[in-house]
Amino acid sequence: MRRIENAAIGIALGAVPVIGCFLAGWWISIPLVPESRIFLCALAGLSLGGLVDVLFLRGWIRHAYSLKAWVWGAVYVFYSVGMFGFFMGVPVFNVILALPAGVFVGRWLVHTGADSTRMRRTARRTATFTTSTLGLVCIASATVALAARSTASDLQRMLGVSFQVTPAMILGLIVGGGIVILALNWWLAVKSVGRAYEYFLAHPESSSAW
């Protein structure tokens, strides 16, 4: 179990500098170098991210549960932005991130010896943070959808409907869908924190001190 846990934390933390440096090398180089060299700059960024992991990742894993909350919050925001971009502005898939976030927080609570009262309070705070982040993602998605002229035709083709999609329908879908996924995100965050806390509390061999 410890190996799986270390691997999961290593992937979560280690991918940040690799992906971040790769994308930074790609986008920063666009206005600065010829098009034929952009990919080389991206590879240079990828190599830099790999070097950061070689130098620091083992220490990050070892002290994962001692890192400041803002560090993990920044990691969560990084993946939220990445998920938003990967699925081309559709925020539905960002809800998935509430699960690993909740599991990690539940594990951290057991690691720090938190009682059930603190667990419930922290679960609500986790839900507040993750849902607020998703709310910003939804606002960005809604802004793009309302500004794009092709949104109506894209939805009509995606849903396979024969009638014309109106701006009122788009707005209703944005508001209604947004409320649903925000509520789902809150529920998933709270539940995953609680279930992870209960699991690791009942299996002390899986939550021994690091």
N, C-alpha and C. Protein backbone atom coordinates (compact mmCIF):
# COMPACT_ATOMS: atom_id res chain seq x y z
N MET A 1 0.83 -1.20 0.00
CA MET A 1 0.00 0.00 0.00
C MET A 1 0.86 1.26 0.00
N ARG A 2 1.94 1.22 0.79
CA ARG A 2 2.81 2.38 0.84
C ARG A 2 3.43 2.66 -0.54
N ARG A 3 3.77 1.60 -1.27
CA ARG A 3 4.36 1.80 -2.59
C ARG A 3 3.36 2.44 -3.54
N ILE A 4 2.12 1.98 -3.48
CA ILE A 4 1.08 2.57 -4.33
C ILE A 4 0.88 4.04 -3.96
N GLU A 5 0.85 4.31 -2.66
CA GLU A 5 0.67 5.68 -2.19
C GLU A 5 1.82 6.57 -2.64
N ASN A 6 3.05 6.09 -2.48
CA ASN A 6 4.22 6.86 -2.92
C ASN A 6 4.18 7.12 -4.42
N ALA A 7 3.78 6.08 -5.18
CA ALA A 7 3.71 6.23 -6.64
C ALA A 7 2.67 7.26 -7.03
N ALA A 8 1.50 7.23 -6.38
CA ALA A 8 0.44 8.18 -6.70
C ALA A 8 0.87 9.61 -6.39
N ILE A 9 1.49 9.80 -5.23
CA ILE A 9 1.95 11.14 -4.86
C ILE A 9 3.07 11.58 -5.80
N GLY A 10 3.96 10.64 -6.14
CA GLY A 10 5.04 10.97 -7.06
C GLY A 10 4.54 11.41 -8.42
N ILE A 11 3.53 10.72 -8.92
CA ILE A 11 2.97 11.10 -10.22
C ILE A 11 2.29 12.46 -10.13
N ALA A 12 1.51 12.66 -9.05
CA ALA A 12 0.79 13.92 -8.89
C ALA A 12 1.72 15.11 -8.81
N LEU A 13 2.81 14.97 -8.04
CA LEU A 13 3.75 16.07 -7.89
C LEU A 13 4.74 16.14 -9.05
N GLY A 14 5.22 14.99 -9.48
CA GLY A 14 6.25 14.97 -10.51
C GLY A 14 5.78 15.44 -11.86
N ALA A 15 4.51 15.25 -12.16
CA ALA A 15 4.01 15.67 -13.47
C ALA A 15 3.91 17.19 -13.60
N VAL A 16 3.82 17.88 -12.47
CA VAL A 16 3.64 19.34 -12.53
C VAL A 16 4.83 20.03 -13.19
N PRO A 17 6.07 19.85 -12.71
CA PRO A 17 7.18 20.53 -13.40
C PRO A 17 7.41 20.03 -14.82
N VAL A 18 7.17 18.75 -15.07
CA VAL A 18 7.39 18.21 -16.41
C VAL A 18 6.41 18.83 -17.41
N ILE A 19 5.12 18.77 -17.07
CA ILE A 19 4.10 19.34 -17.96
C ILE A 19 4.22 20.85 -18.03
N GLY A 20 4.42 21.47 -16.86
CA GLY A 20 4.50 22.93 -16.81
C GLY A 20 5.66 23.47 -17.62
N CYS A 21 6.83 22.87 -17.46
CA CYS A 21 8.00 23.34 -18.20
C CYS A 21 7.88 23.05 -19.69
N PHE A 22 7.28 21.91 -20.03
CA PHE A 22 7.08 21.59 -21.44
C PHE A 22 6.18 22.63 -22.11
N LEU A 23 5.06 22.92 -21.47
CA LEU A 23 4.13 23.91 -22.04
C LEU A 23 4.74 25.31 -22.05
N ALA A 24 5.48 25.65 -21.00
CA ALA A 24 6.13 26.96 -20.95
C ALA A 24 7.14 27.09 -22.08
N GLY A 25 7.95 26.05 -22.28
CA GLY A 25 8.92 26.09 -23.38
C GLY A 25 8.24 26.22 -24.73
N TRP A 26 7.08 25.57 -24.86
CA TRP A 26 6.35 25.62 -26.14
C TRP A 26 5.78 27.02 -26.39
N TRP A 27 4.99 27.52 -25.43
CA TRP A 27 4.27 28.76 -25.66
C TRP A 27 5.16 29.99 -25.62
N ILE A 28 6.15 30.00 -24.74
CA ILE A 28 7.04 31.15 -24.66
C ILE A 28 7.87 31.29 -25.92
N SER A 29 8.21 30.16 -26.53
CA SER A 29 9.08 30.19 -27.71
C SER A 29 8.36 30.61 -28.98
N ILE A 30 7.04 30.55 -29.00
CA ILE A 30 6.30 30.83 -30.24
C ILE A 30 6.64 32.19 -30.85
N PRO A 31 6.63 33.29 -30.06
CA PRO A 31 6.97 34.58 -30.69
C PRO A 31 8.47 34.85 -30.78
N LEU A 32 9.29 33.94 -30.28
CA LEU A 32 10.72 34.24 -30.17
C LEU A 32 11.60 33.48 -31.16
N VAL A 33 11.15 32.30 -31.59
CA VAL A 33 12.01 31.48 -32.46
C VAL A 33 11.24 31.06 -33.70
N PRO A 34 11.93 30.61 -34.73
CA PRO A 34 11.24 30.09 -35.92
C PRO A 34 10.38 28.88 -35.58
N GLU A 35 9.35 28.66 -36.36
CA GLU A 35 8.41 27.58 -36.08
C GLU A 35 9.10 26.22 -36.00
N SER A 36 10.13 26.02 -36.79
CA SER A 36 10.82 24.73 -36.81
C SER A 36 11.54 24.43 -35.51
N ARG A 37 11.77 25.46 -34.69
CA ARG A 37 12.52 25.25 -33.44
C ARG A 37 11.64 25.27 -32.20
N ILE A 38 10.36 25.47 -32.40
CA ILE A 38 9.45 25.53 -31.25
C ILE A 38 9.46 24.21 -30.49
N PHE A 39 9.41 23.12 -31.24
CA PHE A 39 9.36 21.81 -30.57
C PHE A 39 10.65 21.54 -29.80
N LEU A 40 11.77 22.02 -30.31
CA LEU A 40 13.03 21.86 -29.59
C LEU A 40 13.00 22.62 -28.26
N CYS A 41 12.40 23.79 -28.28
CA CYS A 41 12.26 24.55 -27.04
C CYS A 41 11.34 23.83 -26.06
N ALA A 42 10.29 23.21 -26.61
CA ALA A 42 9.39 22.45 -25.75
C ALA A 42 10.12 21.27 -25.13
N LEU A 43 10.96 20.60 -25.92
CA LEU A 43 11.73 19.48 -25.40
C LEU A 43 12.73 19.94 -24.34
N ALA A 44 13.29 21.13 -24.54
CA ALA A 44 14.20 21.69 -23.54
C ALA A 44 13.45 21.93 -22.24
N GLY A 45 12.23 22.44 -22.34
CA GLY A 45 11.41 22.63 -21.15
C GLY A 45 11.08 21.32 -20.49
N LEU A 46 10.78 20.30 -21.29
CA LEU A 46 10.50 18.97 -20.76
C LEU A 46 11.71 18.42 -20.00
N SER A 47 12.89 18.61 -20.56
CA SER A 47 14.11 18.15 -19.91
C SER A 47 14.36 18.89 -18.60
N LEU A 48 14.07 20.18 -18.59
CA LEU A 48 14.22 20.96 -17.36
C LEU A 48 13.28 20.46 -16.28
N GLY A 49 12.05 20.17 -16.66
CA GLY A 49 11.10 19.62 -15.70
C GLY A 49 11.55 18.28 -15.16
N GLY A 50 12.11 17.44 -16.04
CA GLY A 50 12.64 16.16 -15.59
C GLY A 50 13.80 16.33 -14.62
N LEU A 51 14.65 17.33 -14.88
CA LEU A 51 15.77 17.60 -13.98
C LEU A 51 15.28 18.04 -12.61
N VAL A 52 14.23 18.87 -12.60
CA VAL A 52 13.64 19.29 -11.32
C VAL A 52 13.16 18.08 -10.53
N ASP A 53 12.53 17.14 -11.22
CA ASP A 53 12.05 15.93 -10.55
C ASP A 53 13.22 15.11 -9.99
N VAL A 54 14.27 14.97 -10.78
CA VAL A 54 15.43 14.20 -10.33
C VAL A 54 16.01 14.80 -9.05
N LEU A 55 16.04 16.12 -8.99
CA LEU A 55 16.66 16.80 -7.85
C LEU A 55 15.75 16.86 -6.62
N PHE A 56 14.44 16.99 -6.83
CA PHE A 56 13.57 17.32 -5.70
C PHE A 56 12.43 16.35 -5.43
N LEU A 57 12.07 15.51 -6.40
CA LEU A 57 10.84 14.73 -6.26
C LEU A 57 10.89 13.77 -5.06
N ARG A 58 12.01 13.13 -4.84
CA ARG A 58 12.10 12.18 -3.73
C ARG A 58 11.82 12.88 -2.39
N GLY A 59 12.36 14.08 -2.24
CA GLY A 59 12.10 14.84 -1.02
C GLY A 59 10.65 15.27 -0.90
N TRP A 60 10.06 15.65 -2.04
CA TRP A 60 8.64 16.04 -2.03
C TRP A 60 7.77 14.87 -1.59
N ILE A 61 8.07 13.68 -2.07
CA ILE A 61 7.29 12.50 -1.69
C ILE A 61 7.46 12.22 -0.20
N ARG A 62 8.69 12.30 0.27
CA ARG A 62 8.98 11.99 1.67
C ARG A 62 8.25 12.95 2.61
N HIS A 63 8.14 14.21 2.20
CA HIS A 63 7.54 15.22 3.07
C HIS A 63 6.17 15.68 2.54
N ALA A 64 5.51 14.81 1.80
CA ALA A 64 4.25 15.19 1.15
C ALA A 64 3.21 15.69 2.14
N TYR A 65 3.11 15.04 3.30
CA TYR A 65 2.08 15.41 4.26
C TYR A 65 2.51 16.55 5.18
N SER A 66 3.73 17.07 4.93
CA SER A 66 4.20 18.23 5.68
C SER A 66 4.21 19.49 4.83
N LEU A 67 3.90 19.36 3.54
CA LEU A 67 3.87 20.52 2.66
C LEU A 67 2.74 21.46 3.06
N LYS A 68 2.95 22.75 2.83
CA LYS A 68 1.93 23.73 3.14
C LYS A 68 0.67 23.46 2.31
N ALA A 69 -0.46 23.85 2.89
CA ALA A 69 -1.73 23.63 2.19
C ALA A 69 -1.78 24.36 0.86
N TRP A 70 -1.14 25.55 0.78
CA TRP A 70 -1.19 26.31 -0.46
C TRP A 70 -0.44 25.59 -1.59
N VAL A 71 0.56 24.77 -1.23
CA VAL A 71 1.28 24.02 -2.26
C VAL A 71 0.34 23.02 -2.93
N TRP A 72 -0.39 22.26 -2.10
CA TRP A 72 -1.33 21.30 -2.66
C TRP A 72 -2.49 22.01 -3.35
N GLY A 73 -2.86 23.18 -2.83
CA GLY A 73 -3.90 23.95 -3.51
C GLY A 73 -3.44 24.37 -4.89
N ALA A 74 -2.18 24.78 -5.01
CA ALA A 74 -1.63 25.17 -6.31
C ALA A 74 -1.58 23.98 -7.26
N VAL A 75 -1.25 22.80 -6.73
CA VAL A 75 -1.23 21.58 -7.55
C VAL A 75 -2.64 21.29 -8.07
N TYR A 76 -3.63 21.45 -7.20
CA TYR A 76 -5.01 21.21 -7.61
C TYR A 76 -5.43 22.19 -8.71
N VAL A 77 -5.09 23.46 -8.54
CA VAL A 77 -5.43 24.46 -9.55
C VAL A 77 -4.73 24.15 -10.87
N PHE A 78 -3.48 23.71 -10.79
CA PHE A 78 -2.73 23.35 -12.00
C PHE A 78 -3.46 22.27 -12.79
N TYR A 79 -3.88 21.22 -12.10
CA TYR A 79 -4.58 20.14 -12.79
C TYR A 79 -5.97 20.57 -13.25
N SER A 80 -6.60 21.48 -12.53
CA SER A 80 -7.90 21.99 -12.95
C SER A 80 -7.78 22.74 -14.26
N VAL A 81 -6.75 23.59 -14.36
CA VAL A 81 -6.52 24.32 -15.61
C VAL A 81 -6.16 23.35 -16.73
N GLY A 82 -5.33 22.36 -16.41
CA GLY A 82 -4.94 21.38 -17.42
C GLY A 82 -6.13 20.57 -17.92
N MET A 83 -6.99 20.15 -17.00
CA MET A 83 -8.19 19.39 -17.38
C MET A 83 -9.11 20.25 -18.24
N PHE A 84 -9.26 21.51 -17.88
CA PHE A 84 -10.09 22.44 -18.63
C PHE A 84 -9.57 22.59 -20.06
N GLY A 85 -8.26 22.74 -20.20
CA GLY A 85 -7.68 22.90 -21.53
C GLY A 85 -7.72 21.61 -22.34
N PHE A 86 -7.47 20.48 -21.68
CA PHE A 86 -7.43 19.20 -22.39
C PHE A 86 -8.78 18.85 -22.99
N PHE A 87 -9.86 19.16 -22.26
CA PHE A 87 -11.20 18.86 -22.76
C PHE A 87 -11.85 20.07 -23.42
N MET A 88 -11.00 20.98 -23.87
CA MET A 88 -11.41 22.11 -24.71
C MET A 88 -12.54 22.94 -24.08
N GLY A 89 -12.39 23.26 -22.81
CA GLY A 89 -13.31 24.17 -22.17
C GLY A 89 -14.58 23.55 -21.63
N VAL A 90 -14.70 22.23 -21.66
CA VAL A 90 -15.87 21.56 -21.09
C VAL A 90 -15.56 21.23 -19.63
N PRO A 91 -16.25 21.85 -18.67
CA PRO A 91 -15.87 21.71 -17.26
C PRO A 91 -16.36 20.44 -16.57
N VAL A 92 -17.17 19.64 -17.25
CA VAL A 92 -17.76 18.46 -16.62
C VAL A 92 -16.68 17.53 -16.06
N PHE A 93 -15.60 17.35 -16.81
CA PHE A 93 -14.58 16.39 -16.42
C PHE A 93 -13.75 16.87 -15.22
N ASN A 94 -13.80 18.16 -14.92
CA ASN A 94 -13.07 18.68 -13.76
C ASN A 94 -13.61 18.13 -12.45
N VAL A 95 -14.84 17.65 -12.47
CA VAL A 95 -15.42 17.08 -11.25
C VAL A 95 -14.61 15.88 -10.77
N ILE A 96 -13.99 15.17 -11.70
CA ILE A 96 -13.22 13.97 -11.35
C ILE A 96 -12.12 14.30 -10.33
N LEU A 97 -11.58 15.52 -10.42
CA LEU A 97 -10.46 15.89 -9.55
C LEU A 97 -10.85 15.94 -8.08
N ALA A 98 -12.14 16.05 -7.78
CA ALA A 98 -12.58 16.07 -6.39
C ALA A 98 -12.27 14.76 -5.68
N LEU A 99 -12.22 13.66 -6.42
CA LEU A 99 -11.98 12.35 -5.81
C LEU A 99 -10.55 12.19 -5.29
N PRO A 100 -9.51 12.37 -6.13
CA PRO A 100 -8.16 12.25 -5.57
C PRO A 100 -7.85 13.30 -4.52
N ALA A 101 -8.43 14.49 -4.68
CA ALA A 101 -8.22 15.53 -3.66
C ALA A 101 -8.79 15.09 -2.33
N GLY A 102 -9.99 14.54 -2.35
CA GLY A 102 -10.63 14.08 -1.12
C GLY A 102 -9.90 12.92 -0.48
N VAL A 103 -9.43 11.98 -1.30
CA VAL A 103 -8.69 10.82 -0.78
C VAL A 103 -7.40 11.28 -0.12
N PHE A 104 -6.70 12.21 -0.75
CA PHE A 104 -5.45 12.70 -0.17
C PHE A 104 -5.71 13.40 1.16
N VAL A 105 -6.73 14.24 1.21
CA VAL A 105 -7.03 14.95 2.45
C VAL A 105 -7.42 13.98 3.55
N GLY A 106 -8.22 12.97 3.21
CA GLY A 106 -8.58 11.96 4.20
C GLY A 106 -7.37 11.23 4.75
N ARG A 107 -6.45 10.88 3.86
CA ARG A 107 -5.21 10.21 4.28
C ARG A 107 -4.36 11.14 5.15
N TRP A 108 -4.29 12.40 4.77
CA TRP A 108 -3.51 13.39 5.55
C TRP A 108 -4.10 13.57 6.94
N LEU A 109 -5.42 13.56 7.05
CA LEU A 109 -6.07 13.71 8.35
C LEU A 109 -5.70 12.56 9.29
N VAL A 110 -5.69 11.34 8.77
CA VAL A 110 -5.29 10.20 9.59
C VAL A 110 -3.82 10.32 9.97
N HIS A 111 -3.00 10.74 9.02
CA HIS A 111 -1.57 10.89 9.27
C HIS A 111 -1.30 11.89 10.39
N THR A 112 -2.12 12.93 10.48
CA THR A 112 -1.92 13.96 11.51
C THR A 112 -2.71 13.69 12.78
N GLY A 113 -3.41 12.55 12.85
CA GLY A 113 -4.13 12.19 14.07
C GLY A 113 -5.40 12.99 14.31
N ALA A 114 -6.06 13.42 13.25
CA ALA A 114 -7.28 14.22 13.40
C ALA A 114 -8.44 13.37 13.89
N ASP A 115 -9.31 13.98 14.70
CA ASP A 115 -10.51 13.27 15.16
C ASP A 115 -11.65 13.49 14.16
N SER A 116 -12.80 12.88 14.43
CA SER A 116 -13.91 12.93 13.48
C SER A 116 -14.46 14.34 13.31
N THR A 117 -14.43 15.13 14.38
CA THR A 117 -14.93 16.51 14.28
C THR A 117 -14.07 17.33 13.33
N ARG A 118 -12.77 17.20 13.48
CA ARG A 118 -11.85 17.91 12.58
C ARG A 118 -11.99 17.39 11.16
N MET A 119 -12.22 16.08 11.02
CA MET A 119 -12.39 15.50 9.70
C MET A 119 -13.57 16.13 8.98
N ARG A 120 -14.69 16.24 9.66
CA ARG A 120 -15.89 16.82 9.02
C ARG A 120 -15.66 18.28 8.66
N ARG A 121 -15.00 19.01 9.54
CA ARG A 121 -14.72 20.42 9.25
C ARG A 121 -13.78 20.56 8.05
N THR A 122 -12.76 19.73 8.02
CA THR A 122 -11.80 19.79 6.91
C THR A 122 -12.44 19.32 5.61
N ALA A 123 -13.33 18.36 5.69
CA ALA A 123 -14.04 17.90 4.49
C ALA A 123 -14.84 19.03 3.87
N ARG A 124 -15.50 19.82 4.73
CA ARG A 124 -16.26 20.96 4.20
C ARG A 124 -15.34 22.00 3.58
N ARG A 125 -14.19 22.23 4.21
CA ARG A 125 -13.24 23.19 3.65
C ARG A 125 -12.70 22.70 2.31
N THR A 126 -12.42 21.41 2.23
CA THR A 126 -11.95 20.84 0.97
C THR A 126 -13.00 20.99 -0.12
N ALA A 127 -14.26 20.71 0.24
CA ALA A 127 -15.34 20.87 -0.72
C ALA A 127 -15.50 22.32 -1.15
N THR A 128 -15.33 23.24 -0.20
CA THR A 128 -15.44 24.66 -0.53
C THR A 128 -14.36 25.07 -1.52
N PHE A 129 -13.13 24.64 -1.27
CA PHE A 129 -12.02 25.01 -2.15
C PHE A 129 -12.18 24.40 -3.54
N THR A 130 -12.43 23.11 -3.59
CA THR A 130 -12.53 22.44 -4.90
C THR A 130 -13.73 22.95 -5.69
N THR A 131 -14.84 23.20 -4.99
CA THR A 131 -16.03 23.68 -5.69
C THR A 131 -15.85 25.12 -6.15
N SER A 132 -15.16 25.94 -5.35
CA SER A 132 -14.88 27.31 -5.76
C SER A 132 -13.98 27.33 -6.99
N THR A 133 -12.98 26.46 -7.00
CA THR A 133 -12.10 26.36 -8.17
C THR A 133 -12.89 25.93 -9.40
N LEU A 134 -13.76 24.95 -9.22
CA LEU A 134 -14.61 24.51 -10.33
C LEU A 134 -15.55 25.62 -10.77
N GLY A 135 -16.02 26.42 -9.82
CA GLY A 135 -16.88 27.55 -10.17
C GLY A 135 -16.18 28.53 -11.10
N LEU A 136 -14.90 28.80 -10.84
CA LEU A 136 -14.13 29.69 -11.72
C LEU A 136 -13.96 29.06 -13.10
N VAL A 137 -13.75 27.75 -13.11
CA VAL A 137 -13.64 27.04 -14.39
C VAL A 137 -14.95 27.14 -15.16
N CYS A 138 -16.06 27.00 -14.46
CA CYS A 138 -17.38 27.10 -15.11
C CYS A 138 -17.61 28.50 -15.67
N ILE A 139 -17.18 29.51 -14.93
CA ILE A 139 -17.32 30.88 -15.42
C ILE A 139 -16.51 31.09 -16.69
N ALA A 140 -15.27 30.57 -16.69
CA ALA A 140 -14.44 30.68 -17.89
C ALA A 140 -15.08 29.95 -19.06
N SER A 141 -15.60 28.75 -18.79
CA SER A 141 -16.25 27.97 -19.85
C SER A 141 -17.48 28.69 -20.39
N ALA A 142 -18.28 29.25 -19.48
CA ALA A 142 -19.48 29.97 -19.90
C ALA A 142 -19.14 31.20 -20.73
N THR A 143 -18.08 31.89 -20.34
CA THR A 143 -17.66 33.08 -21.08
C THR A 143 -17.27 32.72 -22.51
N VAL A 144 -16.51 31.64 -22.64
CA VAL A 144 -16.09 31.20 -23.97
C VAL A 144 -17.29 30.76 -24.79
N ALA A 145 -18.21 30.01 -24.16
CA ALA A 145 -19.38 29.50 -24.89
C ALA A 145 -20.29 30.62 -25.36
N LEU A 146 -20.50 31.62 -24.51
CA LEU A 146 -21.39 32.72 -24.88
C LEU A 146 -20.77 33.65 -25.90
N ALA A 147 -19.43 33.73 -25.90
CA ALA A 147 -18.76 34.63 -26.84
C ALA A 147 -18.58 34.00 -28.22
N ALA A 148 -18.52 32.67 -28.27
CA ALA A 148 -18.28 31.99 -29.54
C ALA A 148 -19.55 31.93 -30.39
N ARG A 149 -19.44 32.23 -31.65
CA ARG A 149 -20.59 32.22 -32.55
C ARG A 149 -21.00 30.80 -32.93
N SER A 150 -20.09 29.86 -32.79
CA SER A 150 -20.37 28.50 -33.23
C SER A 150 -20.96 27.62 -32.13
N THR A 151 -21.19 28.17 -30.94
CA THR A 151 -21.65 27.36 -29.82
C THR A 151 -22.98 26.67 -30.12
N ALA A 152 -23.91 27.40 -30.70
CA ALA A 152 -25.23 26.83 -30.98
C ALA A 152 -25.13 25.65 -31.95
N SER A 153 -24.40 25.84 -33.03
CA SER A 153 -24.25 24.77 -34.02
C SER A 153 -23.46 23.60 -33.44
N ASP A 154 -22.46 23.90 -32.62
CA ASP A 154 -21.67 22.83 -31.99
C ASP A 154 -22.55 21.98 -31.08
N LEU A 155 -23.39 22.62 -30.28
CA LEU A 155 -24.30 21.90 -29.39
C LEU A 155 -25.32 21.08 -30.18
N GLN A 156 -25.85 21.68 -31.24
CA GLN A 156 -26.83 20.98 -32.06
C GLN A 156 -26.23 19.72 -32.66
N ARG A 157 -24.99 19.83 -33.11
CA ARG A 157 -24.32 18.66 -33.69
C ARG A 157 -23.94 17.65 -32.61
N MET A 158 -23.52 18.12 -31.45
CA MET A 158 -23.11 17.23 -30.36
C MET A 158 -24.29 16.44 -29.81
N LEU A 159 -25.43 17.14 -29.64
CA LEU A 159 -26.61 16.50 -29.07
C LEU A 159 -27.43 15.73 -30.10
N GLY A 160 -27.15 15.98 -31.37
CA GLY A 160 -27.85 15.28 -32.43
C GLY A 160 -29.32 15.67 -32.55
N VAL A 161 -29.65 16.94 -32.30
CA VAL A 161 -31.03 17.41 -32.37
C VAL A 161 -31.27 18.12 -33.70
N SER A 162 -32.51 18.10 -34.14
CA SER A 162 -32.83 18.72 -35.43
C SER A 162 -33.29 20.17 -35.29
N PHE A 163 -33.76 20.54 -34.07
CA PHE A 163 -34.22 21.92 -33.88
C PHE A 163 -33.04 22.85 -33.63
N GLN A 164 -33.30 24.14 -33.85
CA GLN A 164 -32.25 25.14 -33.68
C GLN A 164 -32.02 25.44 -32.20
N VAL A 165 -30.79 25.45 -31.78
CA VAL A 165 -30.43 25.77 -30.40
C VAL A 165 -30.35 27.29 -30.26
N THR A 166 -31.13 27.83 -29.36
CA THR A 166 -31.21 29.28 -29.18
C THR A 166 -30.28 29.75 -28.06
N PRO A 167 -29.98 31.05 -28.03
CA PRO A 167 -29.16 31.59 -26.93
C PRO A 167 -29.78 31.32 -25.56
N ALA A 168 -31.11 31.34 -25.47
CA ALA A 168 -31.78 31.07 -24.18
C ALA A 168 -31.52 29.63 -23.75
N MET A 169 -31.53 28.70 -24.70
CA MET A 169 -31.24 27.30 -24.38
C MET A 169 -29.80 27.14 -23.90
N ILE A 170 -28.90 27.83 -24.55
CA ILE A 170 -27.49 27.77 -24.16
C ILE A 170 -27.31 28.28 -22.75
N LEU A 171 -27.95 29.42 -22.46
CA LEU A 171 -27.86 30.00 -21.12
C LEU A 171 -28.46 29.07 -20.08
N GLY A 172 -29.59 28.46 -20.41
CA GLY A 172 -30.22 27.52 -19.48
C GLY A 172 -29.34 26.30 -19.23
N LEU A 173 -28.69 25.82 -20.29
CA LEU A 173 -27.80 24.68 -20.14
C LEU A 173 -26.59 25.03 -19.28
N ILE A 174 -26.08 26.24 -19.47
CA ILE A 174 -24.92 26.68 -18.69
C ILE A 174 -25.28 26.79 -17.21
N VAL A 175 -26.41 27.44 -16.92
CA VAL A 175 -26.81 27.65 -15.52
C VAL A 175 -27.20 26.32 -14.87
N GLY A 176 -28.08 25.57 -15.54
CA GLY A 176 -28.53 24.29 -14.97
C GLY A 176 -27.40 23.28 -14.83
N GLY A 177 -26.61 23.15 -15.90
CA GLY A 177 -25.49 22.22 -15.85
C GLY A 177 -24.45 22.64 -14.83
N GLY A 178 -24.22 23.93 -14.72
CA GLY A 178 -23.26 24.43 -13.74
C GLY A 178 -23.66 24.10 -12.32
N ILE A 179 -24.93 24.30 -12.01
CA ILE A 179 -25.42 23.99 -10.66
C ILE A 179 -25.26 22.51 -10.36
N VAL A 180 -25.57 21.68 -11.33
CA VAL A 180 -25.48 20.22 -11.13
C VAL A 180 -24.05 19.79 -10.87
N ILE A 181 -23.11 20.24 -11.68
CA ILE A 181 -21.73 19.76 -11.51
C ILE A 181 -21.08 20.36 -10.26
N LEU A 182 -21.49 21.57 -9.88
CA LEU A 182 -20.96 22.15 -8.64
C LEU A 182 -21.47 21.38 -7.42
N ALA A 183 -22.76 21.03 -7.44
CA ALA A 183 -23.32 20.23 -6.34
C ALA A 183 -22.67 18.86 -6.30
N LEU A 184 -22.46 18.25 -7.47
CA LEU A 184 -21.82 16.94 -7.52
C LEU A 184 -20.39 17.01 -7.00
N ASN A 185 -19.68 18.06 -7.36
CA ASN A 185 -18.30 18.22 -6.91
C ASN A 185 -18.25 18.33 -5.38
N TRP A 186 -19.16 19.12 -4.81
CA TRP A 186 -19.21 19.27 -3.35
C TRP A 186 -19.44 17.91 -2.69
N TRP A 187 -20.41 17.17 -3.19
CA TRP A 187 -20.75 15.87 -2.61
C TRP A 187 -19.58 14.90 -2.71
N LEU A 188 -18.94 14.85 -3.88
CA LEU A 188 -17.82 13.94 -4.07
C LEU A 188 -16.65 14.28 -3.15
N ALA A 189 -16.37 15.57 -3.00
CA ALA A 189 -15.26 15.98 -2.14
C ALA A 189 -15.51 15.58 -0.69
N VAL A 190 -16.70 15.88 -0.18
CA VAL A 190 -17.02 15.55 1.21
C VAL A 190 -17.00 14.04 1.42
N LYS A 191 -17.63 13.31 0.53
CA LYS A 191 -17.71 11.86 0.67
C LYS A 191 -16.34 11.20 0.56
N SER A 192 -15.51 11.64 -0.37
CA SER A 192 -14.21 11.01 -0.56
C SER A 192 -13.29 11.28 0.62
N VAL A 193 -13.37 12.47 1.21
CA VAL A 193 -12.59 12.74 2.43
C VAL A 193 -13.03 11.80 3.54
N GLY A 194 -14.34 11.68 3.76
CA GLY A 194 -14.86 10.84 4.82
C GLY A 194 -14.54 9.37 4.63
N ARG A 195 -14.71 8.87 3.40
CA ARG A 195 -14.45 7.45 3.14
C ARG A 195 -12.96 7.14 3.26
N ALA A 196 -12.11 8.02 2.76
CA ALA A 196 -10.67 7.79 2.87
C ALA A 196 -10.24 7.83 4.33
N TYR A 197 -10.77 8.77 5.08
CA TYR A 197 -10.44 8.87 6.51
C TYR A 197 -10.84 7.59 7.23
N GLU A 198 -12.04 7.11 6.98
CA GLU A 198 -12.50 5.89 7.64
C GLU A 198 -11.66 4.68 7.23
N TYR A 199 -11.29 4.61 5.96
CA TYR A 199 -10.51 3.47 5.49
C TYR A 199 -9.13 3.44 6.15
N PHE A 200 -8.40 4.54 6.07
CA PHE A 200 -7.05 4.57 6.62
C PHE A 200 -7.05 4.48 8.15
N LEU A 201 -8.12 4.96 8.77
CA LEU A 201 -8.22 4.82 10.22
C LEU A 201 -8.43 3.36 10.61
N ALA A 202 -9.16 2.62 9.77
CA ALA A 202 -9.42 1.21 10.05
C ALA A 202 -8.28 0.30 9.60
N HIS A 203 -7.34 0.84 8.83
CA HIS A 203 -6.20 0.05 8.35
C HIS A 203 -4.91 0.79 8.72
N PRO A 204 -4.55 0.76 9.98
CA PRO A 204 -3.36 1.50 10.43
C PRO A 204 -2.09 1.07 9.74
N GLU A 205 -2.04 -0.15 9.24
CA GLU A 205 -0.84 -0.61 8.55
C GLU A 205 -0.64 0.14 7.25
N SER A 206 -1.74 0.73 6.73
CA SER A 206 -1.65 1.51 5.48
C SER A 206 -1.38 2.98 5.74
N SER A 207 -1.39 3.38 7.01
CA SER A 207 -1.22 4.80 7.33
C SER A 207 -0.20 4.99 8.43
N SER A 208 0.82 4.16 8.41
CA SER A 208 1.88 4.31 9.41
C SER A 208 2.68 5.56 9.14
N ALA A 209 3.39 6.05 10.16
CA ALA A 209 4.14 7.30 10.02
C ALA A 209 5.23 7.16 8.96
N TRP A 210 5.51 8.24 8.27
CA TRP A 210 6.53 8.23 7.23
C TRP A 210 7.88 8.50 7.87
